Structures are given as structure tokens and as C-alpha cells.
Amino acid sequence: MTDLKKIIFEFVSNRSIQNESTTSRHVHRRFDISIDEAENILKEMLTNNMVEKFYDEEYQENRYIKK
């Protein structure tokens, strides 16, 4: 896992500890990467069983929390 991916995982983990979920736009803004790149990193974490994904009906977007 690259350093950026580790830092993003820590970001998702810290938000989860605070009972907050994370979206690709949060990662995009915080780390100044494209939304597509942020989404790909979050999907990779999902594939590696590091995070869980759920759909937020209110905001109509996918959200991630630490597993």
C-alpha cells in the first residue's frame, strides 16, 4: 500500500472513530486528488476488506466507514 493510501485509510479510520463516514469528495478535498482517484482508492480498500460501504439516501452518495 502506498503512503497516500495509508494516509487516506487513517483519515477514514479517524472519521469512523468520530462516528462520521467518508465519501470520495471528502478524500478529494482533503488530499487534492481527483474524485475518480479517491473513489478508486476507496474501492480498493473495500476489496481488501478494510472498509465497509453503504448508500446514504439523504445525500444520495456512497459512504465508507472503517471495518
PDB file of N, CA and C in Angstrom:
ATOM      1  N   MET A   1       0.852  -1.180   0.000  1.00  0.00           N
ATOM      2  CA  MET A   1       0.000   0.000   0.000  1.00  0.00           C
ATOM      3  C   MET A   1       0.896   1.241   0.000  1.00  0.00           C
ATOM      4  N   THR A   2       0.587   2.179  -0.868  1.00  0.00           N
ATOM      5  CA  THR A   2       1.395   3.391  -0.950  1.00  0.00           C
ATOM      6  C   THR A   2       1.151   4.281   0.260  1.00  0.00           C
ATOM      7  N   ASP A   3       2.052   5.231   0.453  1.00  0.00           N
ATOM      8  CA  ASP A   3       1.925   6.151   1.585  1.00  0.00           C
ATOM      9  C   ASP A   3       0.614   6.923   1.550  1.00  0.00           C
ATOM     10  N   LEU A   4       0.233   7.401   0.360  1.00  0.00           N
ATOM     11  CA  LEU A   4      -1.016   8.150   0.244  1.00  0.00           C
ATOM     12  C   LEU A   4      -2.206   7.277   0.641  1.00  0.00           C
ATOM     13  N   LYS A   5      -2.220   6.044   0.198  1.00  0.00           N
ATOM     14  CA  LYS A   5      -3.323   5.145   0.545  1.00  0.00           C
ATOM     15  C   LYS A   5      -3.366   4.884   2.044  1.00  0.00           C
ATOM     16  N   LYS A   6      -2.201   4.743   2.671  1.00  0.00           N
ATOM     17  CA  LYS A   6      -2.153   4.553   4.125  1.00  0.00           C
ATOM     18  C   LYS A   6      -2.714   5.772   4.843  1.00  0.00           C
ATOM     19  N   ILE A   7      -2.346   6.946   4.371  1.00  0.00           N
ATOM     20  CA  ILE A   7      -2.826   8.184   4.994  1.00  0.00           C
ATOM     21  C   ILE A   7      -4.335   8.322   4.808  1.00  0.00           C
ATOM     22  N   ILE A   8      -4.824   7.971   3.628  1.00  0.00           N
ATOM     23  CA  ILE A   8      -6.274   8.035   3.388  1.00  0.00           C
ATOM     24  C   ILE A   8      -6.997   7.033   4.267  1.00  0.00           C
ATOM     25  N   PHE A   9      -6.432   5.841   4.459  1.00  0.00           N
ATOM     26  CA  PHE A   9      -7.052   4.866   5.350  1.00  0.00           C
ATOM     27  C   PHE A   9      -7.093   5.405   6.788  1.00  0.00           C
ATOM     28  N   GLU A  10      -6.030   6.054   7.227  1.00  0.00           N
ATOM     29  CA  GLU A  10      -6.016   6.666   8.560  1.00  0.00           C
ATOM     30  C   GLU A  10      -7.100   7.742   8.657  1.00  0.00           C
ATOM     31  N   PHE A  11      -7.278   8.518   7.591  1.00  0.00           N
ATOM     32  CA  PHE A  11      -8.310   9.543   7.537  1.00  0.00           C
ATOM     33  C   PHE A  11      -9.700   8.917   7.695  1.00  0.00           C
ATOM     34  N   VAL A  12      -9.960   7.857   6.940  1.00  0.00           N
ATOM     35  CA  VAL A  12     -11.250   7.154   7.033  1.00  0.00           C
ATOM     36  C   VAL A  12     -11.419   6.572   8.438  1.00  0.00           C
ATOM     37  N   SER A  13     -10.369   5.982   8.980  1.00  0.00           N
ATOM     38  CA  SER A  13     -10.417   5.385  10.322  1.00  0.00           C
ATOM     39  C   SER A  13     -10.724   6.428  11.379  1.00  0.00           C
ATOM     40  N   ASN A  14     -10.046   7.553  11.304  1.00  0.00           N
ATOM     41  CA  ASN A  14     -10.269   8.619  12.288  1.00  0.00           C
ATOM     42  C   ASN A  14     -11.679   9.172  12.204  1.00  0.00           C
ATOM     43  N   ARG A  15     -12.186   9.333  10.998  1.00  0.00           N
ATOM     44  CA  ARG A  15     -13.565   9.798  10.854  1.00  0.00           C
ATOM     45  C   ARG A  15     -14.547   8.759  11.414  1.00  0.00           C
ATOM     46  N   SER A  16     -14.248   7.483  11.210  1.00  0.00           N
ATOM     47  CA  SER A  16     -15.110   6.419  11.733  1.00  0.00           C
ATOM     48  C   SER A  16     -15.130   6.437  13.257  1.00  0.00           C
ATOM     49  N   ILE A  17     -13.983   6.668  13.855  1.00  0.00           N
ATOM     50  CA  ILE A  17     -13.897   6.745  15.323  1.00  0.00           C
ATOM     51  C   ILE A  17     -14.797   7.862  15.844  1.00  0.00           C
ATOM     52  N   GLN A  18     -14.918   8.923  15.067  1.00  0.00           N
ATOM     53  CA  GLN A  18     -15.766  10.055  15.449  1.00  0.00           C
ATOM     54  C   GLN A  18     -17.217   9.869  14.972  1.00  0.00           C
ATOM     55  N   ASN A  19     -17.551   8.643  14.576  1.00  0.00           N
ATOM     56  CA  ASN A  19     -18.888   8.295  14.073  1.00  0.00           C
ATOM     57  C   ASN A  19     -19.273   9.093  12.831  1.00  0.00           C
ATOM     58  N   GLU A  20     -18.287   9.335  11.983  1.00  0.00           N
ATOM     59  CA  GLU A  20     -18.518  10.014  10.714  1.00  0.00           C
ATOM     60  C   GLU A  20     -18.103   9.089   9.581  1.00  0.00           C
ATOM     61  N   SER A  21     -18.859   9.107   8.516  1.00  0.00           N
ATOM     62  CA  SER A  21     -18.492   8.329   7.337  1.00  0.00           C
ATOM     63  C   SER A  21     -17.707   9.214   6.381  1.00  0.00           C
ATOM     64  N   THR A  22     -17.126   8.590   5.379  1.00  0.00           N
ATOM     65  CA  THR A  22     -16.277   9.300   4.425  1.00  0.00           C
ATOM     66  C   THR A  22     -16.774   9.044   3.010  1.00  0.00           C
ATOM     67  N   THR A  23     -16.730  10.071   2.177  1.00  0.00           N
ATOM     68  CA  THR A  23     -17.094   9.944   0.774  1.00  0.00           C
ATOM     69  C   THR A  23     -15.876  10.268  -0.087  1.00  0.00           C
ATOM     70  N   SER A  24     -15.984   9.970  -1.355  1.00  0.00           N
ATOM     71  CA  SER A  24     -14.879  10.281  -2.259  1.00  0.00           C
ATOM     72  C   SER A  24     -14.636  11.789  -2.321  1.00  0.00           C
ATOM     73  N   ARG A  25     -15.683  12.598  -2.169  1.00  0.00           N
ATOM     74  CA  ARG A  25     -15.473  14.048  -2.203  1.00  0.00           C
ATOM     75  C   ARG A  25     -14.701  14.535  -0.974  1.00  0.00           C
ATOM     76  N   HIS A  26     -14.896  13.878   0.182  1.00  0.00           N
ATOM     77  CA  HIS A  26     -14.094  14.236   1.367  1.00  0.00           C
ATOM     78  C   HIS A  26     -12.614  13.997   1.087  1.00  0.00           C
ATOM     79  N   VAL A  27     -12.315  12.836   0.509  1.00  0.00           N
ATOM     80  CA  VAL A  27     -10.925  12.478   0.199  1.00  0.00           C
ATOM     81  C   VAL A  27     -10.383  13.425  -0.876  1.00  0.00           C
ATOM     82  N   HIS A  28     -11.199  13.699  -1.880  1.00  0.00           N
ATOM     83  CA  HIS A  28     -10.821  14.611  -2.960  1.00  0.00           C
ATOM     84  C   HIS A  28     -10.400  15.973  -2.405  1.00  0.00           C
ATOM     85  N   ARG A  29     -11.218  16.537  -1.539  1.00  0.00           N
ATOM     86  CA  ARG A  29     -10.930  17.858  -0.969  1.00  0.00           C
ATOM     87  C   ARG A  29      -9.720  17.837  -0.041  1.00  0.00           C
ATOM     88  N   ARG A  30      -9.672  16.836   0.819  1.00  0.00           N
ATOM     89  CA  ARG A  30      -8.618  16.786   1.842  1.00  0.00           C
ATOM     90  C   ARG A  30      -7.240  16.542   1.241  1.00  0.00           C
ATOM     91  N   PHE A  31      -7.165  15.701   0.197  1.00  0.00           N
ATOM     92  CA  PHE A  31      -5.871  15.293  -0.339  1.00  0.00           C
ATOM     93  C   PHE A  31      -5.585  15.845  -1.730  1.00  0.00           C
ATOM     94  N   ASP A  32      -6.467  16.701  -2.223  1.00  0.00           N
ATOM     95  CA  ASP A  32      -6.280  17.363  -3.511  1.00  0.00           C
ATOM     96  C   ASP A  32      -5.979  16.373  -4.635  1.00  0.00           C
ATOM     97  N   ILE A  33      -6.817  15.329  -4.703  1.00  0.00           N
ATOM     98  CA  ILE A  33      -6.736  14.364  -5.793  1.00  0.00           C
ATOM     99  C   ILE A  33      -8.095  14.353  -6.488  1.00  0.00           C
ATOM    100  N   SER A  34      -8.146  13.798  -7.671  1.00  0.00           N
ATOM    101  CA  SER A  34      -9.420  13.777  -8.394  1.00  0.00           C
ATOM    102  C   SER A  34     -10.429  12.884  -7.655  1.00  0.00           C
ATOM    103  N   ILE A  35     -11.693  13.170  -7.870  1.00  0.00           N
ATOM    104  CA  ILE A  35     -12.748  12.359  -7.253  1.00  0.00           C
ATOM    105  C   ILE A  35     -12.654  10.920  -7.754  1.00  0.00           C
ATOM    106  N   ASP A  36     -12.332  10.746  -9.034  1.00  0.00           N
ATOM    107  CA  ASP A  36     -12.185   9.390  -9.585  1.00  0.00           C
ATOM    108  C   ASP A  36     -11.070   8.626  -8.878  1.00  0.00           C
ATOM    109  N   GLU A  37      -9.947   9.285  -8.654  1.00  0.00           N
ATOM    110  CA  GLU A  37      -8.834   8.634  -7.954  1.00  0.00           C
ATOM    111  C   GLU A  37      -9.227   8.300  -6.519  1.00  0.00           C
ATOM    112  N   ALA A  38      -9.918   9.228  -5.867  1.00  0.00           N
ATOM    113  CA  ALA A  38     -10.378   8.984  -4.499  1.00  0.00           C
ATOM    114  C   ALA A  38     -11.320   7.785  -4.460  1.00  0.00           C
ATOM    115  N   GLU A  39     -12.248   7.726  -5.407  1.00  0.00           N
ATOM    116  CA  GLU A  39     -13.199   6.610  -5.472  1.00  0.00           C
ATOM    117  C   GLU A  39     -12.476   5.291  -5.714  1.00  0.00           C
ATOM    118  N   ASN A  40     -11.482   5.300  -6.578  1.00  0.00           N
ATOM    119  CA  ASN A  40     -10.715   4.076  -6.843  1.00  0.00           C
ATOM    120  C   ASN A  40      -9.973   3.594  -5.605  1.00  0.00           C
ATOM    121  N   ILE A  41      -9.417   4.508  -4.847  1.00  0.00           N
ATOM    122  CA  ILE A  41      -8.701   4.143  -3.621  1.00  0.00           C
ATOM    123  C   ILE A  41      -9.684   3.564  -2.607  1.00  0.00           C
ATOM    124  N   LEU A  42     -10.846   4.186  -2.460  1.00  0.00           N
ATOM    125  CA  LEU A  42     -11.847   3.684  -1.518  1.00  0.00           C
ATOM    126  C   LEU A  42     -12.374   2.312  -1.952  1.00  0.00           C
ATOM    127  N   LYS A  43     -12.556   2.116  -3.255  1.00  0.00           N
ATOM    128  CA  LYS A  43     -12.997   0.810  -3.760  1.00  0.00           C
ATOM    129  C   LYS A  43     -11.938  -0.259  -3.516  1.00  0.00           C
ATOM    130  N   GLU A  44     -10.671   0.102  -3.661  1.00  0.00           N
ATOM    131  CA  GLU A  44      -9.591  -0.841  -3.375  1.00  0.00           C
ATOM    132  C   GLU A  44      -9.603  -1.244  -1.905  1.00  0.00           C
ATOM    133  N   MET A  45      -9.838  -0.279  -1.023  1.00  0.00           N
ATOM    134  CA  MET A  45      -9.932  -0.580   0.408  1.00  0.00           C
ATOM    135  C   MET A  45     -11.121  -1.488   0.688  1.00  0.00           C
ATOM    136  N   LEU A  46     -12.211  -1.287  -0.042  1.00  0.00           N
ATOM    137  CA  LEU A  46     -13.388  -2.142   0.101  1.00  0.00           C
ATOM    138  C   LEU A  46     -13.054  -3.562  -0.337  1.00  0.00           C
ATOM    139  N   THR A  47     -12.374  -3.694  -1.462  1.00  0.00           N
ATOM    140  CA  THR A  47     -11.973  -5.002  -1.977  1.00  0.00           C
ATOM    141  C   THR A  47     -11.040  -5.716  -1.002  1.00  0.00           C
ATOM    142  N   ASN A  48     -10.181  -4.952  -0.339  1.00  0.00           N
ATOM    143  CA  ASN A  48      -9.233  -5.522   0.620  1.00  0.00           C
ATOM    144  C   ASN A  48      -9.840  -5.692   2.013  1.00  0.00           C
ATOM    145  N   ASN A  49     -11.173  -5.487   2.101  1.00  0.00           N
ATOM    146  CA  ASN A  49     -11.906  -5.710   3.345  1.00  0.00           C
ATOM    147  C   ASN A  49     -11.449  -4.789   4.481  1.00  0.00           C
ATOM    148  N   MET A  50     -11.030  -3.585   4.130  1.00  0.00           N
ATOM    149  CA  MET A  50     -10.571  -2.612   5.122  1.00  0.00           C
ATOM    150  C   MET A  50     -11.687  -1.654   5.535  1.00  0.00           C
ATOM    151  N   VAL A  51     -12.650  -1.457   4.636  1.00  0.00           N
ATOM    152  CA  VAL A  51     -13.763  -0.547   4.892  1.00  0.00           C
ATOM    153  C   VAL A  51     -15.068  -1.210   4.485  1.00  0.00           C
ATOM    154  N   GLU A  52     -16.157  -0.630   4.971  1.00  0.00           N
ATOM    155  CA  GLU A  52     -17.499  -1.043   4.559  1.00  0.00           C
ATOM    156  C   GLU A  52     -18.120   0.105   3.784  1.00  0.00           C
ATOM    157  N   LYS A  53     -18.988  -0.232   2.849  1.00  0.00           N
ATOM    158  CA  LYS A  53     -19.639   0.770   2.007  1.00  0.00           C
ATOM    159  C   LYS A  53     -21.143   0.722   2.254  1.00  0.00           C
ATOM    160  N   PHE A  54     -21.761   1.895   2.294  1.00  0.00           N
ATOM    161  CA  PHE A  54     -23.215   1.955   2.357  1.00  0.00           C
ATOM    162  C   PHE A  54     -23.688   3.171   1.569  1.00  0.00           C
ATOM    163  N   TYR A  55     -24.935   3.125   1.157  1.00  0.00           N
ATOM    164  CA  TYR A  55     -25.505   4.212   0.370  1.00  0.00           C
ATOM    165  C   TYR A  55     -26.301   5.127   1.284  1.00  0.00           C
ATOM    166  N   ASP A  56     -25.996   6.417   1.251  1.00  0.00           N
ATOM    167  CA  ASP A  56     -26.690   7.426   2.046  1.00  0.00           C
ATOM    168  C   ASP A  56     -27.832   8.001   1.206  1.00  0.00           C
ATOM    169  N   GLU A  57     -29.056   7.646   1.571  1.00  0.00           N
ATOM    170  CA  GLU A  57     -30.236   8.101   0.824  1.00  0.00           C
ATOM    171  C   GLU A  57     -30.382   9.622   0.869  1.00  0.00           C
ATOM    172  N   GLU A  58     -30.099  10.217   2.021  1.00  0.00           N
ATOM    173  CA  GLU A  58     -30.272  11.661   2.179  1.00  0.00           C
ATOM    174  C   GLU A  58     -29.372  12.449   1.214  1.00  0.00           C
ATOM    175  N   TYR A  59     -28.113  12.073   1.152  1.00  0.00           N
ATOM    176  CA  TYR A  59     -27.157  12.773   0.292  1.00  0.00           C
ATOM    177  C   TYR A  59     -26.989  12.099  -1.075  1.00  0.00           C
ATOM    178  N   GLN A  60     -27.590  10.936  -1.235  1.00  0.00           N
ATOM    179  CA  GLN A  60     -27.557  10.165  -2.479  1.00  0.00           C
ATOM    180  C   GLN A  60     -26.120   9.929  -2.953  1.00  0.00           C
ATOM    181  N   GLU A  61     -25.331   9.338  -2.051  1.00  0.00           N
ATOM    182  CA  GLU A  61     -23.941   9.025  -2.384  1.00  0.00           C
ATOM    183  C   GLU A  61     -23.466   7.832  -1.560  1.00  0.00           C
ATOM    184  N   ASN A  62     -22.421   7.196  -2.064  1.00  0.00           N
ATOM    185  CA  ASN A  62     -21.799   6.097  -1.327  1.00  0.00           C
ATOM    186  C   ASN A  62     -20.915   6.671  -0.234  1.00  0.00           C
ATOM    187  N   ARG A  63     -20.944   6.002   0.910  1.00  0.00           N
ATOM    188  CA  ARG A  63     -20.134   6.412   2.048  1.00  0.00           C
ATOM    189  C   ARG A  63     -19.377   5.192   2.563  1.00  0.00           C
ATOM    190  N   TYR A  64     -18.261   5.466   3.206  1.00  0.00           N
ATOM    191  CA  TYR A  64     -17.379   4.394   3.689  1.00  0.00           C
ATOM    192  C   TYR A  64     -17.054   4.614   5.156  1.00  0.00           C
ATOM    193  N   ILE A  65     -16.953   3.501   5.879  1.00  0.00           N
ATOM    194  CA  ILE A  65     -16.507   3.521   7.273  1.00  0.00           C
ATOM    195  C   ILE A  65     -15.486   2.399   7.454  1.00  0.00           C
ATOM    196  N   LYS A  66     -14.675   2.534   8.482  1.00  0.00           N
ATOM    197  CA  LYS A  66     -13.688   1.505   8.775  1.00  0.00           C
ATOM    198  C   LYS A  66     -14.397   0.234   9.207  1.00  0.00           C
ATOM    199  N   LYS A  67     -13.903  -0.881   8.750  1.00  0.00           N
ATOM    200  CA  LYS A  67     -14.484  -2.177   9.091  1.00  0.00           C
ATOM    201  C   LYS A  67     -14.045  -2.609  10.462  1.00  0.00           C
TER     202      LYS A  67
END
